[in-house]
Amino acid sequence: MTDSARQPIPRTPRSEVRARLIASASRAFAEEGYVAARIDEIAYAAGFTKGAIYSNFGSKQGLFAAVLQARADDELHRLLEATTGKLDVAETVGEIIAEEVTTDTERGRLSLEFAARAAHDDDVSIAWTAMRRQQRAIAEQAIIEVVERNGLTLTVEPADATLILHCITNGLSMEHLADPDRVDSNAIRKAVAATVRSITTRDTSP
């Protein structure tokens, strides 16, 4: 046996395993829905067995929550980058959220499906609650950073600002799904920008 044959096969880093499973699950859930998507097929498409899903996410609902969380994280990172140094932060936030809501409608549909299942399934409800709390915690830190970077001051507590923006974004996503002609990108942009302006002021102190 050669030396090369004795070398152990390198293990795939955990971060890569999670990323590949989330990408595979995102496609499966979008195409088939939560109920029809099979975890063994999701794992196989990512190059793993279903055991990788259980060891990384605990359950199918945990994987579903991770898919939604990943999309929310991407949006927040983009928001932080795009608003830095902008004179009209409210308009920029409105533009970004409008684009996300109108171009990533699958996330809205998946969120509605998960919320509906959470109302009837205790395990899904637990995962849903944990995910929403995590999303709000991340969003709160992002909001604090955005206002500090851009010389703004919140007129409400950060947690309240987070809840306001979280709810209006989710509501607009649902309304866009129901009536995309009336609740279009422009309407969403204006609604979000007006909300941001109502809870922030410009810091003019020397």
N, C-alpha and C. Protein backbone atom coordinates (compact mmCIF):
# COMPACT_ATOMS: atom_id res chain seq x y z
N MET A 1 0.85 -1.20 0.00
CA MET A 1 0.00 0.00 0.00
C MET A 1 0.88 1.25 0.00
N THR A 2 0.59 2.20 -0.86
CA THR A 2 1.39 3.41 -0.96
C THR A 2 1.04 4.35 0.19
N ASP A 3 1.97 5.33 0.40
CA ASP A 3 1.73 6.30 1.46
C ASP A 3 0.46 7.09 1.20
N SER A 4 0.23 7.42 -0.09
CA SER A 4 -0.95 8.22 -0.42
C SER A 4 -2.23 7.46 -0.10
N ALA A 5 -2.18 6.12 -0.26
CA ALA A 5 -3.37 5.32 -0.01
C ALA A 5 -3.70 5.27 1.47
N ARG A 6 -2.67 5.49 2.32
CA ARG A 6 -2.90 5.45 3.76
C ARG A 6 -3.44 6.76 4.31
N GLN A 7 -3.39 7.82 3.49
CA GLN A 7 -3.83 9.12 3.97
C GLN A 7 -5.34 9.12 4.22
N PRO A 8 -5.76 9.64 5.37
CA PRO A 8 -7.20 9.69 5.64
C PRO A 8 -7.90 10.66 4.69
N ILE A 9 -9.14 10.33 4.37
CA ILE A 9 -9.93 11.22 3.52
C ILE A 9 -10.35 12.44 4.34
N PRO A 10 -10.01 13.64 3.89
CA PRO A 10 -10.34 14.83 4.68
C PRO A 10 -11.85 14.99 4.85
N ARG A 11 -12.25 15.37 6.04
CA ARG A 11 -13.66 15.57 6.32
C ARG A 11 -14.09 16.95 5.82
N THR A 12 -15.31 17.02 5.33
CA THR A 12 -15.85 18.29 4.88
C THR A 12 -16.09 19.18 6.09
N PRO A 13 -15.60 20.42 6.08
CA PRO A 13 -15.82 21.31 7.23
C PRO A 13 -17.30 21.46 7.53
N ARG A 14 -17.61 21.56 8.80
CA ARG A 14 -19.01 21.66 9.23
C ARG A 14 -19.72 22.84 8.59
N SER A 15 -19.00 23.97 8.47
CA SER A 15 -19.62 25.16 7.87
C SER A 15 -20.03 24.90 6.42
N GLU A 16 -19.20 24.14 5.70
CA GLU A 16 -19.52 23.81 4.31
C GLU A 16 -20.69 22.83 4.24
N VAL A 17 -20.70 21.86 5.15
CA VAL A 17 -21.82 20.91 5.19
C VAL A 17 -23.13 21.66 5.39
N ARG A 18 -23.16 22.56 6.35
CA ARG A 18 -24.38 23.32 6.63
C ARG A 18 -24.78 24.17 5.44
N ALA A 19 -23.80 24.82 4.83
CA ALA A 19 -24.10 25.69 3.69
C ALA A 19 -24.69 24.90 2.53
N ARG A 20 -24.12 23.72 2.25
CA ARG A 20 -24.61 22.90 1.14
C ARG A 20 -26.00 22.34 1.43
N LEU A 21 -26.24 21.95 2.67
CA LEU A 21 -27.56 21.45 3.04
C LEU A 21 -28.62 22.55 2.97
N ILE A 22 -28.25 23.75 3.43
CA ILE A 22 -29.19 24.87 3.38
C ILE A 22 -29.52 25.23 1.93
N ALA A 23 -28.51 25.23 1.06
CA ALA A 23 -28.74 25.55 -0.35
C ALA A 23 -29.64 24.50 -1.00
N SER A 24 -29.38 23.23 -0.70
CA SER A 24 -30.20 22.16 -1.25
C SER A 24 -31.62 22.23 -0.72
N ALA A 25 -31.76 22.48 0.57
CA ALA A 25 -33.09 22.57 1.18
C ALA A 25 -33.86 23.77 0.66
N SER A 26 -33.17 24.87 0.44
CA SER A 26 -33.82 26.07 -0.07
C SER A 26 -34.47 25.79 -1.42
N ARG A 27 -33.75 25.08 -2.28
CA ARG A 27 -34.32 24.73 -3.60
C ARG A 27 -35.50 23.77 -3.44
N ALA A 28 -35.34 22.76 -2.58
CA ALA A 28 -36.39 21.76 -2.42
C ALA A 28 -37.66 22.37 -1.82
N PHE A 29 -37.50 23.17 -0.78
CA PHE A 29 -38.67 23.77 -0.15
C PHE A 29 -39.38 24.73 -1.10
N ALA A 30 -38.59 25.48 -1.89
CA ALA A 30 -39.19 26.42 -2.84
C ALA A 30 -39.96 25.70 -3.94
N GLU A 31 -39.42 24.59 -4.41
CA GLU A 31 -40.04 23.86 -5.52
C GLU A 31 -41.18 22.96 -5.07
N GLU A 32 -41.05 22.35 -3.88
CA GLU A 32 -42.00 21.33 -3.47
C GLU A 32 -42.86 21.71 -2.27
N GLY A 33 -42.42 22.74 -1.49
CA GLY A 33 -43.11 23.07 -0.27
C GLY A 33 -42.55 22.28 0.90
N TYR A 34 -42.88 22.71 2.10
CA TYR A 34 -42.31 22.09 3.30
C TYR A 34 -42.73 20.64 3.45
N VAL A 35 -44.00 20.35 3.26
CA VAL A 35 -44.52 19.01 3.51
C VAL A 35 -43.95 18.00 2.52
N ALA A 36 -43.97 18.34 1.23
CA ALA A 36 -43.57 17.39 0.19
C ALA A 36 -42.06 17.17 0.13
N ALA A 37 -41.27 18.15 0.54
CA ALA A 37 -39.81 18.01 0.46
C ALA A 37 -39.34 16.90 1.40
N ARG A 38 -38.49 16.00 0.90
CA ARG A 38 -38.00 14.85 1.68
C ARG A 38 -36.56 15.10 2.12
N ILE A 39 -36.30 14.87 3.40
CA ILE A 39 -34.97 15.18 3.91
C ILE A 39 -33.89 14.27 3.31
N ASP A 40 -34.25 13.02 2.98
CA ASP A 40 -33.24 12.15 2.39
C ASP A 40 -32.84 12.64 1.00
N GLU A 41 -33.81 13.17 0.24
CA GLU A 41 -33.50 13.70 -1.09
C GLU A 41 -32.73 15.01 -0.99
N ILE A 42 -33.07 15.83 0.00
CA ILE A 42 -32.34 17.09 0.22
C ILE A 42 -30.88 16.79 0.53
N ALA A 43 -30.66 15.83 1.43
CA ALA A 43 -29.30 15.46 1.81
C ALA A 43 -28.54 14.87 0.64
N TYR A 44 -29.18 14.00 -0.13
CA TYR A 44 -28.53 13.36 -1.29
C TYR A 44 -28.11 14.41 -2.32
N ALA A 45 -28.98 15.39 -2.58
CA ALA A 45 -28.65 16.43 -3.55
C ALA A 45 -27.46 17.26 -3.10
N ALA A 46 -27.26 17.35 -1.78
CA ALA A 46 -26.12 18.11 -1.24
C ALA A 46 -24.87 17.26 -1.13
N GLY A 47 -25.01 15.95 -1.36
CA GLY A 47 -23.85 15.06 -1.30
C GLY A 47 -23.66 14.38 0.04
N PHE A 48 -24.73 14.31 0.86
CA PHE A 48 -24.63 13.71 2.18
C PHE A 48 -25.79 12.74 2.42
N THR A 49 -25.77 12.09 3.59
CA THR A 49 -26.89 11.28 4.00
C THR A 49 -27.79 12.12 4.90
N LYS A 50 -29.00 11.62 5.17
CA LYS A 50 -29.92 12.41 5.99
C LYS A 50 -29.42 12.58 7.42
N GLY A 51 -28.47 11.72 7.83
CA GLY A 51 -27.88 11.88 9.15
C GLY A 51 -27.21 13.23 9.32
N ALA A 52 -26.70 13.79 8.21
CA ALA A 52 -26.06 15.10 8.27
C ALA A 52 -27.06 16.19 8.62
N ILE A 53 -28.30 16.00 8.19
CA ILE A 53 -29.33 16.97 8.53
C ILE A 53 -29.65 16.92 10.02
N TYR A 54 -29.80 15.71 10.56
CA TYR A 54 -30.11 15.58 11.97
C TYR A 54 -28.97 16.08 12.85
N SER A 55 -27.72 15.80 12.45
CA SER A 55 -26.59 16.21 13.29
C SER A 55 -26.34 17.71 13.24
N ASN A 56 -26.75 18.36 12.14
CA ASN A 56 -26.51 19.80 12.00
C ASN A 56 -27.71 20.67 12.36
N PHE A 57 -28.91 20.13 12.16
CA PHE A 57 -30.11 20.96 12.37
C PHE A 57 -31.14 20.32 13.31
N GLY A 58 -30.93 19.07 13.66
CA GLY A 58 -31.80 18.42 14.63
C GLY A 58 -33.06 17.81 14.06
N SER A 59 -33.64 18.44 13.04
CA SER A 59 -34.90 17.98 12.50
C SER A 59 -35.19 18.69 11.18
N LYS A 60 -36.25 18.26 10.52
CA LYS A 60 -36.67 18.91 9.28
C LYS A 60 -37.07 20.35 9.56
N GLN A 61 -37.80 20.57 10.65
CA GLN A 61 -38.21 21.94 10.95
C GLN A 61 -37.02 22.82 11.32
N GLY A 62 -36.00 22.21 11.94
CA GLY A 62 -34.79 22.97 12.23
C GLY A 62 -34.08 23.38 10.96
N LEU A 63 -34.07 22.50 9.97
CA LEU A 63 -33.47 22.82 8.67
C LEU A 63 -34.26 23.92 7.98
N PHE A 64 -35.58 23.83 8.04
CA PHE A 64 -36.44 24.84 7.42
C PHE A 64 -36.19 26.20 8.05
N ALA A 65 -36.10 26.23 9.38
CA ALA A 65 -35.82 27.48 10.07
C ALA A 65 -34.47 28.05 9.66
N ALA A 66 -33.48 27.17 9.45
CA ALA A 66 -32.15 27.61 9.04
C ALA A 66 -32.17 28.22 7.65
N VAL A 67 -33.01 27.68 6.77
CA VAL A 67 -33.15 28.23 5.42
C VAL A 67 -33.68 29.66 5.49
N LEU A 68 -34.74 29.85 6.25
CA LEU A 68 -35.32 31.19 6.38
C LEU A 68 -34.36 32.14 7.08
N GLN A 69 -33.63 31.64 8.09
CA GLN A 69 -32.68 32.47 8.81
C GLN A 69 -31.54 32.91 7.91
N ALA A 70 -31.06 32.02 7.05
CA ALA A 70 -29.96 32.35 6.14
C ALA A 70 -30.36 33.48 5.21
N ARG A 71 -31.58 33.43 4.71
CA ARG A 71 -32.05 34.50 3.81
C ARG A 71 -32.17 35.82 4.55
N ALA A 72 -32.66 35.77 5.78
CA ALA A 72 -32.78 36.98 6.58
C ALA A 72 -31.40 37.57 6.90
N ASP A 73 -30.44 36.71 7.21
CA ASP A 73 -29.07 37.16 7.50
C ASP A 73 -28.47 37.85 6.29
N ASP A 74 -28.66 37.28 5.10
CA ASP A 74 -28.12 37.88 3.87
C ASP A 74 -28.70 39.28 3.67
N GLU A 75 -29.99 39.42 3.92
CA GLU A 75 -30.64 40.72 3.76
C GLU A 75 -30.07 41.75 4.73
N LEU A 76 -29.84 41.34 5.98
CA LEU A 76 -29.31 42.26 6.98
C LEU A 76 -27.88 42.69 6.66
N HIS A 77 -27.06 41.75 6.21
CA HIS A 77 -25.68 42.10 5.84
C HIS A 77 -25.68 43.10 4.67
N ARG A 78 -26.54 42.86 3.72
CA ARG A 78 -26.63 43.78 2.58
C ARG A 78 -27.11 45.16 3.04
N LEU A 79 -28.03 45.17 3.98
CA LEU A 79 -28.55 46.43 4.50
C LEU A 79 -27.45 47.24 5.17
N LEU A 80 -26.62 46.58 5.96
CA LEU A 80 -25.54 47.27 6.65
C LEU A 80 -24.56 47.88 5.65
N GLU A 81 -24.22 47.13 4.63
CA GLU A 81 -23.27 47.62 3.63
C GLU A 81 -23.85 48.78 2.83
N ALA A 82 -25.11 48.67 2.45
CA ALA A 82 -25.71 49.66 1.55
C ALA A 82 -26.01 50.99 2.23
N THR A 83 -26.27 50.98 3.53
CA THR A 83 -26.67 52.22 4.19
C THR A 83 -25.50 53.05 4.71
N THR A 84 -24.32 52.48 4.75
CA THR A 84 -23.17 53.21 5.30
C THR A 84 -22.87 54.44 4.46
N GLY A 85 -22.89 55.62 5.11
CA GLY A 85 -22.54 56.86 4.43
C GLY A 85 -23.63 57.44 3.57
N LYS A 86 -24.83 56.89 3.59
CA LYS A 86 -25.92 57.41 2.78
C LYS A 86 -26.58 58.61 3.47
N LEU A 87 -26.90 59.63 2.68
CA LEU A 87 -27.55 60.81 3.24
C LEU A 87 -29.00 60.50 3.61
N ASP A 88 -29.68 59.73 2.76
CA ASP A 88 -31.07 59.39 3.03
C ASP A 88 -31.15 57.90 3.35
N VAL A 89 -30.90 57.57 4.61
CA VAL A 89 -30.89 56.18 5.03
C VAL A 89 -32.27 55.55 4.88
N ALA A 90 -33.32 56.31 5.20
CA ALA A 90 -34.67 55.77 5.11
C ALA A 90 -35.00 55.32 3.70
N GLU A 91 -34.63 56.13 2.72
CA GLU A 91 -34.89 55.79 1.32
C GLU A 91 -34.10 54.54 0.92
N THR A 92 -32.86 54.46 1.37
CA THR A 92 -32.03 53.30 1.04
C THR A 92 -32.60 52.03 1.64
N VAL A 93 -33.01 52.10 2.90
CA VAL A 93 -33.62 50.93 3.55
C VAL A 93 -34.89 50.53 2.81
N GLY A 94 -35.69 51.52 2.42
CA GLY A 94 -36.90 51.23 1.67
C GLY A 94 -36.63 50.54 0.36
N GLU A 95 -35.61 51.00 -0.35
CA GLU A 95 -35.26 50.40 -1.64
C GLU A 95 -34.80 48.95 -1.48
N ILE A 96 -33.98 48.71 -0.46
CA ILE A 96 -33.45 47.35 -0.25
C ILE A 96 -34.56 46.38 0.13
N ILE A 97 -35.41 46.78 1.07
CA ILE A 97 -36.49 45.89 1.49
C ILE A 97 -37.48 45.67 0.35
N ALA A 98 -37.76 46.71 -0.42
CA ALA A 98 -38.67 46.57 -1.56
C ALA A 98 -38.13 45.56 -2.57
N GLU A 99 -36.83 45.64 -2.82
CA GLU A 99 -36.23 44.69 -3.76
C GLU A 99 -36.28 43.27 -3.22
N GLU A 100 -35.97 43.12 -1.93
CA GLU A 100 -36.00 41.78 -1.33
C GLU A 100 -37.40 41.18 -1.37
N VAL A 101 -38.39 41.97 -1.01
CA VAL A 101 -39.76 41.47 -0.96
C VAL A 101 -40.27 41.08 -2.34
N THR A 102 -39.95 41.88 -3.34
CA THR A 102 -40.51 41.64 -4.68
C THR A 102 -39.71 40.62 -5.50
N THR A 103 -38.44 40.42 -5.17
CA THR A 103 -37.65 39.47 -5.96
C THR A 103 -37.51 38.12 -5.28
N ASP A 104 -37.66 38.07 -3.95
CA ASP A 104 -37.53 36.80 -3.23
C ASP A 104 -38.89 36.43 -2.65
N THR A 105 -39.87 36.22 -3.52
CA THR A 105 -41.22 35.89 -3.06
C THR A 105 -41.29 34.49 -2.44
N GLU A 106 -40.32 33.64 -2.80
CA GLU A 106 -40.32 32.30 -2.22
C GLU A 106 -40.17 32.35 -0.70
N ARG A 107 -39.37 33.30 -0.21
CA ARG A 107 -39.20 33.40 1.23
C ARG A 107 -40.52 33.74 1.91
N GLY A 108 -41.29 34.63 1.27
CA GLY A 108 -42.60 34.98 1.83
C GLY A 108 -43.52 33.79 1.87
N ARG A 109 -43.53 33.00 0.80
CA ARG A 109 -44.40 31.82 0.75
C ARG A 109 -43.96 30.78 1.79
N LEU A 110 -42.64 30.58 1.91
CA LEU A 110 -42.14 29.62 2.88
C LEU A 110 -42.46 30.06 4.30
N SER A 111 -42.33 31.35 4.56
CA SER A 111 -42.64 31.86 5.90
C SER A 111 -44.11 31.64 6.25
N LEU A 112 -44.98 31.89 5.28
CA LEU A 112 -46.40 31.69 5.52
C LEU A 112 -46.70 30.21 5.78
N GLU A 113 -46.06 29.34 5.01
CA GLU A 113 -46.28 27.91 5.19
C GLU A 113 -45.79 27.45 6.56
N PHE A 114 -44.62 27.92 6.95
CA PHE A 114 -44.06 27.54 8.25
C PHE A 114 -44.93 28.06 9.39
N ALA A 115 -45.41 29.30 9.24
CA ALA A 115 -46.26 29.89 10.28
C ALA A 115 -47.56 29.10 10.42
N ALA A 116 -48.13 28.69 9.28
CA ALA A 116 -49.37 27.92 9.32
C ALA A 116 -49.16 26.57 10.00
N ARG A 117 -48.05 25.92 9.74
CA ARG A 117 -47.76 24.63 10.36
C ARG A 117 -47.47 24.81 11.86
N ALA A 118 -46.84 25.93 12.21
CA ALA A 118 -46.52 26.18 13.62
C ALA A 118 -47.78 26.28 14.47
N ALA A 119 -48.89 26.70 13.84
CA ALA A 119 -50.13 26.84 14.58
C ALA A 119 -50.74 25.49 14.96
N HIS A 120 -50.29 24.42 14.31
CA HIS A 120 -50.88 23.10 14.53
C HIS A 120 -49.87 22.04 14.95
N ASP A 121 -48.59 22.40 15.03
CA ASP A 121 -47.56 21.42 15.34
C ASP A 121 -46.62 22.03 16.38
N ASP A 122 -46.59 21.42 17.57
CA ASP A 122 -45.80 21.99 18.67
C ASP A 122 -44.31 22.03 18.35
N ASP A 123 -43.79 20.99 17.68
CA ASP A 123 -42.36 20.97 17.35
C ASP A 123 -42.01 22.09 16.38
N VAL A 124 -42.86 22.28 15.38
CA VAL A 124 -42.63 23.36 14.41
C VAL A 124 -42.77 24.71 15.11
N SER A 125 -43.72 24.81 16.02
CA SER A 125 -43.93 26.07 16.74
C SER A 125 -42.69 26.46 17.54
N ILE A 126 -42.07 25.48 18.19
CA ILE A 126 -40.86 25.75 18.98
C ILE A 126 -39.75 26.28 18.08
N ALA A 127 -39.56 25.62 16.93
CA ALA A 127 -38.53 26.05 15.99
C ALA A 127 -38.84 27.43 15.43
N TRP A 128 -40.11 27.67 15.16
CA TRP A 128 -40.56 28.96 14.59
C TRP A 128 -40.31 30.10 15.58
N THR A 129 -40.67 29.88 16.84
CA THR A 129 -40.47 30.91 17.86
C THR A 129 -38.99 31.23 18.05
N ALA A 130 -38.17 30.19 18.11
CA ALA A 130 -36.73 30.39 18.29
C ALA A 130 -36.14 31.16 17.12
N MET A 131 -36.58 30.83 15.91
CA MET A 131 -36.04 31.50 14.74
C MET A 131 -36.43 32.97 14.72
N ARG A 132 -37.70 33.26 15.03
CA ARG A 132 -38.15 34.65 15.00
C ARG A 132 -37.43 35.48 16.06
N ARG A 133 -37.20 34.91 17.22
CA ARG A 133 -36.46 35.64 18.25
C ARG A 133 -35.04 35.93 17.81
N GLN A 134 -34.42 34.94 17.17
CA GLN A 134 -33.06 35.13 16.68
C GLN A 134 -33.02 36.20 15.60
N GLN A 135 -33.99 36.17 14.70
CA GLN A 135 -34.04 37.18 13.64
C GLN A 135 -34.17 38.58 14.22
N ARG A 136 -35.03 38.74 15.22
CA ARG A 136 -35.20 40.05 15.82
C ARG A 136 -33.95 40.51 16.56
N ALA A 137 -33.27 39.57 17.21
CA ALA A 137 -32.03 39.93 17.92
C ALA A 137 -30.97 40.41 16.95
N ILE A 138 -30.82 39.71 15.82
CA ILE A 138 -29.85 40.11 14.80
C ILE A 138 -30.24 41.45 14.20
N ALA A 139 -31.53 41.60 13.92
CA ALA A 139 -32.01 42.85 13.32
C ALA A 139 -31.81 44.03 14.26
N GLU A 140 -32.00 43.81 15.55
CA GLU A 140 -31.82 44.90 16.51
C GLU A 140 -30.38 45.40 16.51
N GLN A 141 -29.42 44.49 16.48
CA GLN A 141 -28.02 44.90 16.42
C GLN A 141 -27.71 45.63 15.12
N ALA A 142 -28.33 45.19 14.02
CA ALA A 142 -28.12 45.85 12.74
C ALA A 142 -28.69 47.26 12.76
N ILE A 143 -29.86 47.42 13.34
CA ILE A 143 -30.48 48.75 13.41
C ILE A 143 -29.62 49.69 14.25
N ILE A 144 -29.14 49.21 15.39
CA ILE A 144 -28.28 50.04 16.24
C ILE A 144 -27.04 50.48 15.48
N GLU A 145 -26.45 49.54 14.72
CA GLU A 145 -25.24 49.86 13.97
C GLU A 145 -25.52 50.84 12.84
N VAL A 146 -26.65 50.67 12.16
CA VAL A 146 -26.99 51.57 11.05
C VAL A 146 -27.18 53.00 11.55
N VAL A 147 -27.91 53.17 12.64
CA VAL A 147 -28.16 54.54 13.12
C VAL A 147 -26.87 55.17 13.63
N GLU A 148 -26.02 54.39 14.28
CA GLU A 148 -24.75 54.94 14.79
C GLU A 148 -23.83 55.33 13.64
N ARG A 149 -23.75 54.49 12.62
CA ARG A 149 -22.88 54.77 11.48
C ARG A 149 -23.30 56.03 10.72
N ASN A 150 -24.58 56.34 10.75
CA ASN A 150 -25.10 57.40 9.89
C ASN A 150 -25.59 58.63 10.65
N GLY A 151 -25.17 58.76 11.91
CA GLY A 151 -25.50 59.96 12.67
C GLY A 151 -26.98 60.12 12.95
N LEU A 152 -27.68 59.01 13.12
CA LEU A 152 -29.11 59.06 13.42
C LEU A 152 -29.34 58.70 14.88
N THR A 153 -30.54 59.04 15.36
CA THR A 153 -30.96 58.67 16.70
C THR A 153 -32.34 58.06 16.63
N LEU A 154 -32.53 56.94 17.30
CA LEU A 154 -33.85 56.33 17.34
C LEU A 154 -34.75 57.11 18.29
N THR A 155 -36.01 57.28 17.91
CA THR A 155 -36.97 57.95 18.78
C THR A 155 -37.73 56.95 19.65
N VAL A 156 -37.46 55.68 19.45
CA VAL A 156 -38.04 54.60 20.27
C VAL A 156 -36.91 53.68 20.69
N GLU A 157 -37.20 52.78 21.62
CA GLU A 157 -36.19 51.82 22.03
C GLU A 157 -35.81 50.90 20.86
N PRO A 158 -34.53 50.47 20.79
CA PRO A 158 -34.11 49.60 19.69
C PRO A 158 -34.99 48.37 19.50
N ALA A 159 -35.41 47.75 20.61
CA ALA A 159 -36.26 46.56 20.51
C ALA A 159 -37.60 46.91 19.87
N ASP A 160 -38.13 48.10 20.20
CA ASP A 160 -39.40 48.52 19.62
C ASP A 160 -39.24 48.83 18.13
N ALA A 161 -38.14 49.49 17.79
CA ALA A 161 -37.86 49.79 16.37
C ALA A 161 -37.74 48.50 15.57
N THR A 162 -37.09 47.51 16.17
CA THR A 162 -36.93 46.23 15.50
C THR A 162 -38.27 45.57 15.25
N LEU A 163 -39.13 45.57 16.25
CA LEU A 163 -40.44 44.94 16.11
C LEU A 163 -41.28 45.66 15.06
N ILE A 164 -41.22 46.98 15.04
CA ILE A 164 -41.96 47.76 14.06
C ILE A 164 -41.52 47.41 12.64
N LEU A 165 -40.21 47.43 12.39
CA LEU A 165 -39.71 47.16 11.05
C LEU A 165 -39.91 45.70 10.66
N HIS A 166 -39.77 44.80 11.65
CA HIS A 166 -39.96 43.38 11.40
C HIS A 166 -41.40 43.12 10.95
N CYS A 167 -42.33 43.73 11.66
CA CYS A 167 -43.74 43.50 11.36
C CYS A 167 -44.15 44.13 10.03
N ILE A 168 -43.66 45.34 9.76
CA ILE A 168 -44.06 45.97 8.51
C ILE A 168 -43.47 45.25 7.31
N THR A 169 -42.25 44.74 7.46
CA THR A 169 -41.64 43.98 6.37
C THR A 169 -42.42 42.69 6.10
N ASN A 170 -42.76 41.98 7.16
CA ASN A 170 -43.53 40.74 7.00
C ASN A 170 -44.91 41.03 6.43
N GLY A 171 -45.54 42.09 6.91
CA GLY A 171 -46.86 42.45 6.40
C GLY A 171 -46.83 42.83 4.93
N LEU A 172 -45.84 43.61 4.55
CA LEU A 172 -45.72 44.02 3.15
C LEU A 172 -45.42 42.82 2.25
N SER A 173 -44.64 41.88 2.77
CA SER A 173 -44.36 40.66 2.01
C SER A 173 -45.65 39.90 1.72
N MET A 174 -46.51 39.78 2.74
CA MET A 174 -47.77 39.08 2.56
C MET A 174 -48.69 39.83 1.61
N GLU A 175 -48.75 41.16 1.75
CA GLU A 175 -49.61 41.95 0.88
C GLU A 175 -49.14 41.91 -0.57
N HIS A 176 -47.82 41.87 -0.76
CA HIS A 176 -47.29 41.78 -2.12
C HIS A 176 -47.67 40.44 -2.76
N LEU A 177 -47.62 39.38 -1.98
CA LEU A 177 -48.02 38.08 -2.50
C LEU A 177 -49.49 38.08 -2.89
N ALA A 178 -50.31 38.77 -2.09
CA ALA A 178 -51.74 38.80 -2.34
C ALA A 178 -52.12 39.75 -3.47
N ASP A 179 -51.40 40.87 -3.58
CA ASP A 179 -51.77 41.90 -4.56
C ASP A 179 -50.52 42.59 -5.10
N PRO A 180 -49.74 41.89 -5.94
CA PRO A 180 -48.48 42.45 -6.42
C PRO A 180 -48.63 43.69 -7.31
N ASP A 181 -49.80 43.88 -7.91
CA ASP A 181 -49.99 45.04 -8.77
C ASP A 181 -50.11 46.32 -7.96
N ARG A 182 -50.83 46.26 -6.84
CA ARG A 182 -51.00 47.45 -6.00
C ARG A 182 -49.86 47.60 -4.99
N VAL A 183 -49.47 46.51 -4.39
CA VAL A 183 -48.37 46.55 -3.41
C VAL A 183 -47.09 46.18 -4.15
N ASP A 184 -46.65 47.10 -5.00
CA ASP A 184 -45.47 46.86 -5.83
C ASP A 184 -44.22 47.43 -5.16
N SER A 185 -43.12 47.40 -5.89
CA SER A 185 -41.85 47.85 -5.33
C SER A 185 -41.91 49.29 -4.85
N ASN A 186 -42.56 50.15 -5.62
CA ASN A 186 -42.63 51.56 -5.25
C ASN A 186 -43.44 51.76 -3.98
N ALA A 187 -44.57 51.06 -3.87
CA ALA A 187 -45.41 51.19 -2.68
C ALA A 187 -44.68 50.68 -1.44
N ILE A 188 -43.96 49.58 -1.59
CA ILE A 188 -43.21 49.03 -0.46
C ILE A 188 -42.10 49.98 -0.04
N ARG A 189 -41.37 50.51 -1.03
CA ARG A 189 -40.28 51.45 -0.73
C ARG A 189 -40.79 52.65 0.06
N LYS A 190 -41.89 53.22 -0.37
CA LYS A 190 -42.43 54.40 0.30
C LYS A 190 -42.90 54.08 1.72
N ALA A 191 -43.55 52.94 1.89
CA ALA A 191 -44.06 52.56 3.21
C ALA A 191 -42.91 52.35 4.21
N VAL A 192 -41.87 51.66 3.75
CA VAL A 192 -40.74 51.39 4.63
C VAL A 192 -39.98 52.68 4.95
N ALA A 193 -39.74 53.49 3.92
CA ALA A 193 -39.01 54.75 4.13
C ALA A 193 -39.76 55.65 5.11
N ALA A 194 -41.08 55.73 4.97
CA ALA A 194 -41.87 56.55 5.88
C ALA A 194 -41.79 56.03 7.31
N THR A 195 -41.76 54.71 7.45
CA THR A 195 -41.66 54.11 8.79
C THR A 195 -40.31 54.43 9.42
N VAL A 196 -39.25 54.28 8.64
CA VAL A 196 -37.91 54.57 9.16
C VAL A 196 -37.80 56.03 9.58
N ARG A 197 -38.34 56.94 8.77
CA ARG A 197 -38.28 58.37 9.10
C ARG A 197 -39.07 58.67 10.37
N SER A 198 -40.13 57.91 10.62
CA SER A 198 -40.98 58.18 11.79
C SER A 198 -40.33 57.75 13.10
N ILE A 199 -39.32 56.90 13.03
CA ILE A 199 -38.69 56.42 14.26
C ILE A 199 -37.22 56.82 14.38
N THR A 200 -36.77 57.74 13.53
CA THR A 200 -35.39 58.23 13.60
C THR A 200 -35.35 59.74 13.46
N THR A 201 -34.30 60.33 14.01
CA THR A 201 -34.01 61.74 13.80
C THR A 201 -32.54 61.89 13.48
N ARG A 202 -32.19 62.96 12.82
CA ARG A 202 -30.80 63.23 12.48
C ARG A 202 -30.10 63.87 13.67
N ASP A 203 -28.96 63.30 14.06
CA ASP A 203 -28.17 63.83 15.17
C ASP A 203 -27.38 65.03 14.67
N THR A 204 -27.77 66.24 15.14
CA THR A 204 -27.11 67.49 14.69
C THR A 204 -26.18 68.07 15.74
N SER A 205 -25.97 67.33 16.81
CA SER A 205 -25.09 67.85 17.87
C SER A 205 -23.65 67.91 17.37
N PRO A 206 -22.87 68.94 17.81
CA PRO A 206 -21.49 69.09 17.35
C PRO A 206 -20.60 67.96 17.84
